[in-house]
Amino acid sequence: MSGQPMVRLVGLRKSYAGTPVLRGVDLEVARGEVVCLVGASGSGKSTLLRCVNHLETPDAGFVEVDGELIGYRPDGRGRLRALPEGRIRRQRADIGMVFQSFNLFPNLTALENVVEAPISVRGLSRAEARARASELLAQVGLAGREHSYPRRLSGGQQQRVAIARALAMRPKVMLFDEPTSALDPELVGEVLQTIQTLAGQGMTMLVVTHELAFARDVADRVAFVDEGRILELGPPEDVLTTPGHPRTRAFLGRLAQTTTREP
């Protein structure tokens, strides 16, 4: 994992109504690397992801993906100027994102949900887009369900359609924001397996997750986020097994107690 990072975050700051959410986050993600973000709710993990594809505008700092500044251009005088929204939308096409909720169009079949964006944004012909969509749905384990409407699919199947839809744009990086949090426990495994397959194929990924066993198995590095800062970053066996920061140890201890109490 050498050379220019695929994703670079420099000094990211973001506040809402005067309350800081990100407090100067720096992070580099190498090509083909999987970084899992863990931490308590409200620690800034989702906001960090949304700054990567400029769904949230940082108050300070910047993001680069594959060496390209996201949302801005330098003006030649050491300042950044906002890009037009159309240009930002084109940049987002290179940054796939899968949310907690599936956000599928209920009136479109699984295939149609995957087909639309490559046609409208990438300019693929309908025949090319349909062939690509069928291939991706098979890749995520949904061969034979191309013509099913979302209401006929389980939550896990709907989330896998959402993953296929993001992959249809041939993104340079994939962002996952708690992709299993809206699923029943018995459906979590099928979505995590799909993400694990992508990791094995060399996709660069940033994954916000509370599934620590998954993070331990899949991540190249784990970042512990607390109150808008990355307090600890390293291999999963270090961060999740022998954390060095006391707040990481406290978080993992609370999580272990919660898991132990569950029936």
Protein backbone atom coordinates (compact mmCIF):
# COMPACT_ATOMS: atom_id res chain seq x y z
CA MET A 1 0.00 0.00 0.00
CA SER A 2 2.36 2.64 -1.24
CA GLY A 3 2.08 5.81 -3.25
CA GLN A 4 -0.63 8.43 -3.13
CA PRO A 5 -3.46 7.59 -0.73
CA MET A 6 -6.88 6.98 -2.23
CA VAL A 7 -8.56 9.09 0.47
CA ARG A 8 -6.94 11.92 2.41
CA LEU A 9 -8.64 13.96 5.14
CA VAL A 10 -6.78 17.00 6.41
CA GLY A 11 -7.87 19.05 9.42
CA LEU A 12 -11.60 18.33 9.02
CA ARG A 13 -13.78 20.42 11.32
CA LYS A 14 -17.56 20.54 11.43
CA SER A 15 -20.01 22.05 13.90
CA TYR A 16 -23.79 22.12 14.10
CA ALA A 17 -25.42 25.09 15.83
CA GLY A 18 -22.13 25.88 17.50
CA THR A 19 -21.55 22.34 18.77
CA PRO A 20 -18.31 20.79 17.41
CA VAL A 21 -18.81 17.38 15.78
CA LEU A 22 -15.44 17.00 14.03
CA ARG A 23 -12.42 18.57 15.69
CA GLY A 24 -9.56 18.53 13.20
CA VAL A 25 -9.59 14.99 11.78
CA ASP A 26 -6.60 13.79 9.77
CA LEU A 27 -6.73 10.41 8.04
CA GLU A 28 -5.19 8.71 5.03
CA VAL A 29 -6.61 5.56 3.45
CA ALA A 30 -4.41 3.66 1.03
CA ARG A 31 -5.63 2.15 -2.22
CA GLY A 32 -7.30 -1.15 -1.50
CA GLU A 33 -7.33 -0.54 2.24
CA VAL A 34 -10.33 -1.11 4.51
CA VAL A 35 -10.62 1.22 7.50
CA CYS A 36 -13.41 0.62 10.01
CA LEU A 37 -14.57 3.52 12.17
CA VAL A 38 -15.85 2.57 15.62
CA GLY A 39 -17.05 4.63 18.54
CA ALA A 40 -20.13 5.68 20.46
CA SER A 41 -23.20 7.21 18.80
CA GLY A 42 -22.70 10.92 18.27
CA SER A 43 -18.91 10.68 18.13
CA GLY A 44 -18.75 12.09 14.58
CA LYS A 45 -18.28 8.92 12.54
CA SER A 46 -21.21 9.45 10.14
CA THR A 47 -20.41 13.13 9.72
CA LEU A 48 -16.86 12.19 8.79
CA LEU A 49 -18.15 9.86 6.06
CA ARG A 50 -20.55 12.47 4.74
CA CYS A 51 -17.71 14.98 4.47
CA VAL A 52 -15.79 12.55 2.24
CA ASN A 53 -18.41 12.78 -0.51
CA HIS A 54 -19.38 16.37 0.38
CA LEU A 55 -22.89 15.58 1.55
CA GLU A 56 -21.71 17.68 4.49
CA THR A 57 -19.55 20.73 3.87
CA PRO A 58 -16.58 20.95 6.26
CA ASP A 59 -16.20 24.18 8.20
CA ALA A 60 -12.43 23.80 7.84
CA GLY A 61 -10.01 21.35 6.29
CA PHE A 62 -10.45 19.39 3.08
CA VAL A 63 -10.86 15.94 1.52
CA GLU A 64 -9.03 14.45 -1.45
CA VAL A 65 -10.05 11.29 -3.30
CA ASP A 66 -7.49 9.84 -5.70
CA GLY A 67 -5.60 13.13 -5.53
CA GLU A 68 -8.63 15.28 -6.43
CA LEU A 69 -9.93 17.91 -4.04
CA ILE A 70 -13.60 17.19 -3.27
CA GLY A 71 -16.04 20.10 -3.37
CA TYR A 72 -13.44 22.80 -3.94
CA ARG A 73 -10.74 24.10 -6.24
CA PRO A 74 -7.67 26.12 -5.27
CA ASP A 75 -7.86 29.74 -6.46
CA GLY A 76 -4.10 30.12 -6.86
CA ARG A 77 -3.86 32.43 -3.85
CA GLY A 78 -3.86 29.80 -1.16
CA ARG A 79 -7.64 29.69 -0.76
CA LEU A 80 -10.31 27.21 -1.74
CA ARG A 81 -13.34 28.06 -3.87
CA ALA A 82 -16.51 25.96 -3.84
CA LEU A 83 -17.20 23.98 -7.00
CA PRO A 84 -20.56 24.24 -8.78
CA GLU A 85 -23.07 21.63 -7.61
CA GLY A 86 -22.99 19.86 -10.98
CA ARG A 87 -19.25 19.31 -10.68
CA ILE A 88 -19.66 18.04 -7.11
CA ARG A 89 -22.29 15.54 -8.29
CA ARG A 90 -19.82 14.22 -10.86
CA GLN A 91 -17.20 13.81 -8.12
CA ARG A 92 -19.71 11.91 -5.98
CA ALA A 93 -20.12 9.40 -8.80
CA ASP A 94 -16.62 8.14 -7.90
CA ILE A 95 -17.54 7.75 -4.22
CA GLY A 96 -20.10 5.04 -3.57
CA MET A 97 -22.11 5.32 -0.36
CA VAL A 98 -24.41 2.86 1.38
CA PHE A 99 -26.55 4.24 4.19
CA GLN A 100 -28.28 2.69 7.20
CA SER A 101 -31.60 2.86 5.35
CA PHE A 102 -31.77 1.25 1.95
CA ASN A 103 -33.23 4.25 0.05
CA LEU A 104 -34.45 2.10 -2.84
CA PHE A 105 -37.13 3.38 -5.20
CA PRO A 106 -40.19 1.32 -4.18
CA ASN A 107 -41.77 1.54 -7.64
CA LEU A 108 -38.69 0.11 -9.37
CA THR A 109 -37.48 -3.49 -9.46
CA ALA A 110 -34.08 -4.46 -8.08
CA LEU A 111 -32.63 -4.33 -11.58
CA GLU A 112 -34.19 -0.95 -12.33
CA ASN A 113 -32.87 0.48 -9.05
CA VAL A 114 -29.35 -0.45 -10.12
CA VAL A 115 -29.69 0.62 -13.77
CA GLU A 116 -30.79 4.25 -13.51
CA ALA A 117 -27.71 6.07 -12.19
CA PRO A 118 -25.18 4.60 -14.67
CA ILE A 119 -27.44 5.71 -17.52
CA SER A 120 -28.09 9.23 -16.25
CA VAL A 121 -24.66 9.96 -14.74
CA ARG A 122 -22.17 7.73 -16.57
CA GLY A 123 -23.93 7.82 -19.93
CA LEU A 124 -24.17 4.05 -20.37
CA SER A 125 -26.66 2.68 -22.84
CA ARG A 126 -29.64 0.93 -21.29
CA ALA A 127 -28.40 -2.41 -22.61
CA GLU A 128 -24.95 -1.90 -21.06
CA ALA A 129 -26.45 -0.74 -17.77
CA ARG A 130 -28.81 -3.71 -17.58
CA ALA A 131 -26.01 -6.18 -18.27
CA ARG A 132 -23.85 -4.55 -15.61
CA ALA A 133 -26.74 -4.51 -13.13
CA SER A 134 -27.49 -8.22 -13.66
CA GLU A 135 -23.82 -9.04 -13.13
CA LEU A 136 -23.67 -7.01 -9.90
CA LEU A 137 -26.89 -8.44 -8.49
CA ALA A 138 -25.47 -11.91 -9.07
CA GLN A 139 -22.24 -10.81 -7.38
CA VAL A 140 -24.15 -9.81 -4.23
CA GLY A 141 -26.11 -13.07 -4.21
CA LEU A 142 -29.35 -11.89 -5.82
CA ALA A 143 -29.35 -13.74 -9.11
CA GLY A 144 -32.96 -14.50 -9.96
CA ARG A 145 -34.33 -11.55 -7.98
CA GLU A 146 -33.71 -8.91 -10.65
CA HIS A 147 -37.42 -8.30 -11.22
CA SER A 148 -38.46 -8.27 -7.58
CA TYR A 149 -39.74 -5.02 -6.08
CA PRO A 150 -38.23 -3.86 -2.76
CA ARG A 151 -41.37 -4.82 -0.83
CA ARG A 152 -40.79 -8.43 -1.92
CA LEU A 153 -37.21 -8.46 -0.62
CA SER A 154 -35.94 -8.91 2.91
CA GLY A 155 -34.03 -6.09 4.58
CA GLY A 156 -30.75 -7.85 3.92
CA GLN A 157 -31.63 -8.31 0.26
CA GLN A 158 -32.63 -4.66 -0.06
CA GLN A 159 -29.31 -3.57 1.44
CA ARG A 160 -27.46 -5.79 -1.04
CA VAL A 161 -29.38 -4.12 -3.88
CA ALA A 162 -28.21 -0.78 -2.46
CA ILE A 163 -24.62 -2.06 -2.51
CA ALA A 164 -25.01 -3.22 -6.12
CA ARG A 165 -26.45 0.19 -7.02
CA ALA A 166 -23.40 1.94 -5.57
CA LEU A 167 -21.01 -0.47 -7.32
CA ALA A 168 -22.74 0.12 -10.66
CA MET A 169 -21.07 3.55 -10.81
CA ARG A 170 -17.63 1.87 -10.69
CA PRO A 171 -16.58 3.96 -7.68
CA LYS A 172 -13.00 4.48 -6.58
CA VAL A 173 -13.97 4.17 -2.94
CA MET A 174 -16.97 2.81 -1.02
CA LEU A 175 -18.39 4.36 2.14
CA PHE A 176 -20.63 2.31 4.43
CA ASP A 177 -22.53 4.06 7.23
CA GLU A 178 -23.71 1.40 9.71
CA PRO A 179 -24.97 -0.78 6.83
CA THR A 180 -26.46 -3.42 9.15
CA SER A 181 -28.03 -1.26 11.87
CA ALA A 182 -31.54 -1.38 10.32
CA LEU A 183 -31.48 -5.15 9.85
CA ASP A 184 -32.83 -7.97 11.95
CA PRO A 185 -29.95 -9.92 13.53
CA GLU A 186 -30.42 -12.96 11.31
CA LEU A 187 -29.93 -10.80 8.18
CA VAL A 188 -26.75 -9.04 9.27
CA GLY A 189 -24.39 -11.80 8.16
CA GLU A 190 -25.38 -11.76 4.50
CA VAL A 191 -24.63 -8.03 4.17
CA LEU A 192 -21.33 -8.29 6.06
CA GLN A 193 -20.33 -11.20 3.81
CA THR A 194 -20.97 -9.03 0.75
CA ILE A 195 -18.75 -6.28 2.16
CA GLN A 196 -16.08 -8.83 3.05
CA THR A 197 -16.11 -10.07 -0.56
CA LEU A 198 -15.55 -6.50 -1.79
CA ALA A 199 -12.61 -6.18 0.60
CA GLY A 200 -11.12 -9.34 -0.87
CA GLN A 201 -11.46 -7.81 -4.34
CA GLY A 202 -9.35 -4.80 -3.33
CA MET A 203 -12.04 -2.14 -3.00
CA THR A 204 -10.98 0.86 -0.91
CA MET A 205 -13.53 1.21 1.89
CA LEU A 206 -14.39 3.33 4.89
CA VAL A 207 -16.90 1.49 7.08
CA VAL A 208 -18.72 2.87 10.11
CA THR A 209 -19.77 -0.18 12.10
CA HIS A 210 -20.66 -1.41 15.55
CA GLU A 211 -19.92 -5.02 14.50
CA LEU A 212 -16.53 -5.39 16.17
CA ALA A 213 -16.05 -9.02 15.14
CA PHE A 214 -16.54 -7.96 11.53
CA ALA A 215 -14.09 -5.07 11.94
CA ARG A 216 -11.54 -7.45 13.44
CA ASP A 217 -11.86 -9.84 10.48
CA VAL A 218 -12.07 -7.38 7.58
CA ALA A 219 -10.34 -4.12 8.47
CA ASP A 220 -6.72 -3.39 7.68
CA ARG A 221 -6.95 -0.68 10.32
CA VAL A 222 -9.52 0.39 12.89
CA ALA A 223 -10.04 4.01 13.93
CA PHE A 224 -11.61 4.74 17.30
CA VAL A 225 -13.53 8.03 17.04
CA ASP A 226 -14.45 9.91 20.20
CA GLU A 227 -15.97 13.40 20.45
CA GLY A 228 -14.94 14.32 16.92
CA ARG A 229 -11.36 13.09 17.08
CA ILE A 230 -9.57 9.92 16.04
CA LEU A 231 -8.02 8.90 19.34
CA GLU A 232 -6.57 5.60 18.21
CA LEU A 233 -5.74 4.14 14.79
CA GLY A 234 -4.03 0.88 14.03
CA PRO A 235 -4.40 -2.81 13.20
CA PRO A 236 -7.62 -4.31 14.59
CA GLU A 237 -5.75 -6.68 16.87
CA ASP A 238 -4.16 -3.67 18.56
CA VAL A 239 -7.12 -1.28 18.74
CA LEU A 240 -9.77 -3.88 19.59
CA THR A 241 -7.75 -6.29 21.70
CA THR A 242 -5.01 -4.26 23.40
CA PRO A 243 -6.07 -0.60 23.01
CA GLY A 244 -3.60 1.98 24.18
CA HIS A 245 -5.96 4.88 24.85
CA PRO A 246 -8.02 4.81 28.06
CA ARG A 247 -11.14 6.06 26.27
CA THR A 248 -10.89 3.19 23.78
CA ARG A 249 -10.63 0.75 26.67
CA ALA A 250 -13.64 2.34 28.36
CA PHE A 251 -15.73 2.16 25.16
CA LEU A 252 -14.87 -1.50 24.54
CA GLY A 253 -15.58 -2.28 28.19
CA ARG A 254 -19.05 -0.73 27.98
CA LEU A 255 -19.74 -2.60 24.76
CA ALA A 256 -18.68 -5.90 26.32
CA GLN A 257 -20.99 -5.31 29.29
CA THR A 258 -23.92 -4.54 26.98
CA THR A 259 -23.28 -7.69 24.95
CA THR A 260 -23.04 -9.81 28.10
CA ARG A 261 -26.39 -8.52 29.39
CA GLU A 262 -28.27 -9.25 26.15
CA PRO A 263 -30.54 -12.31 26.48
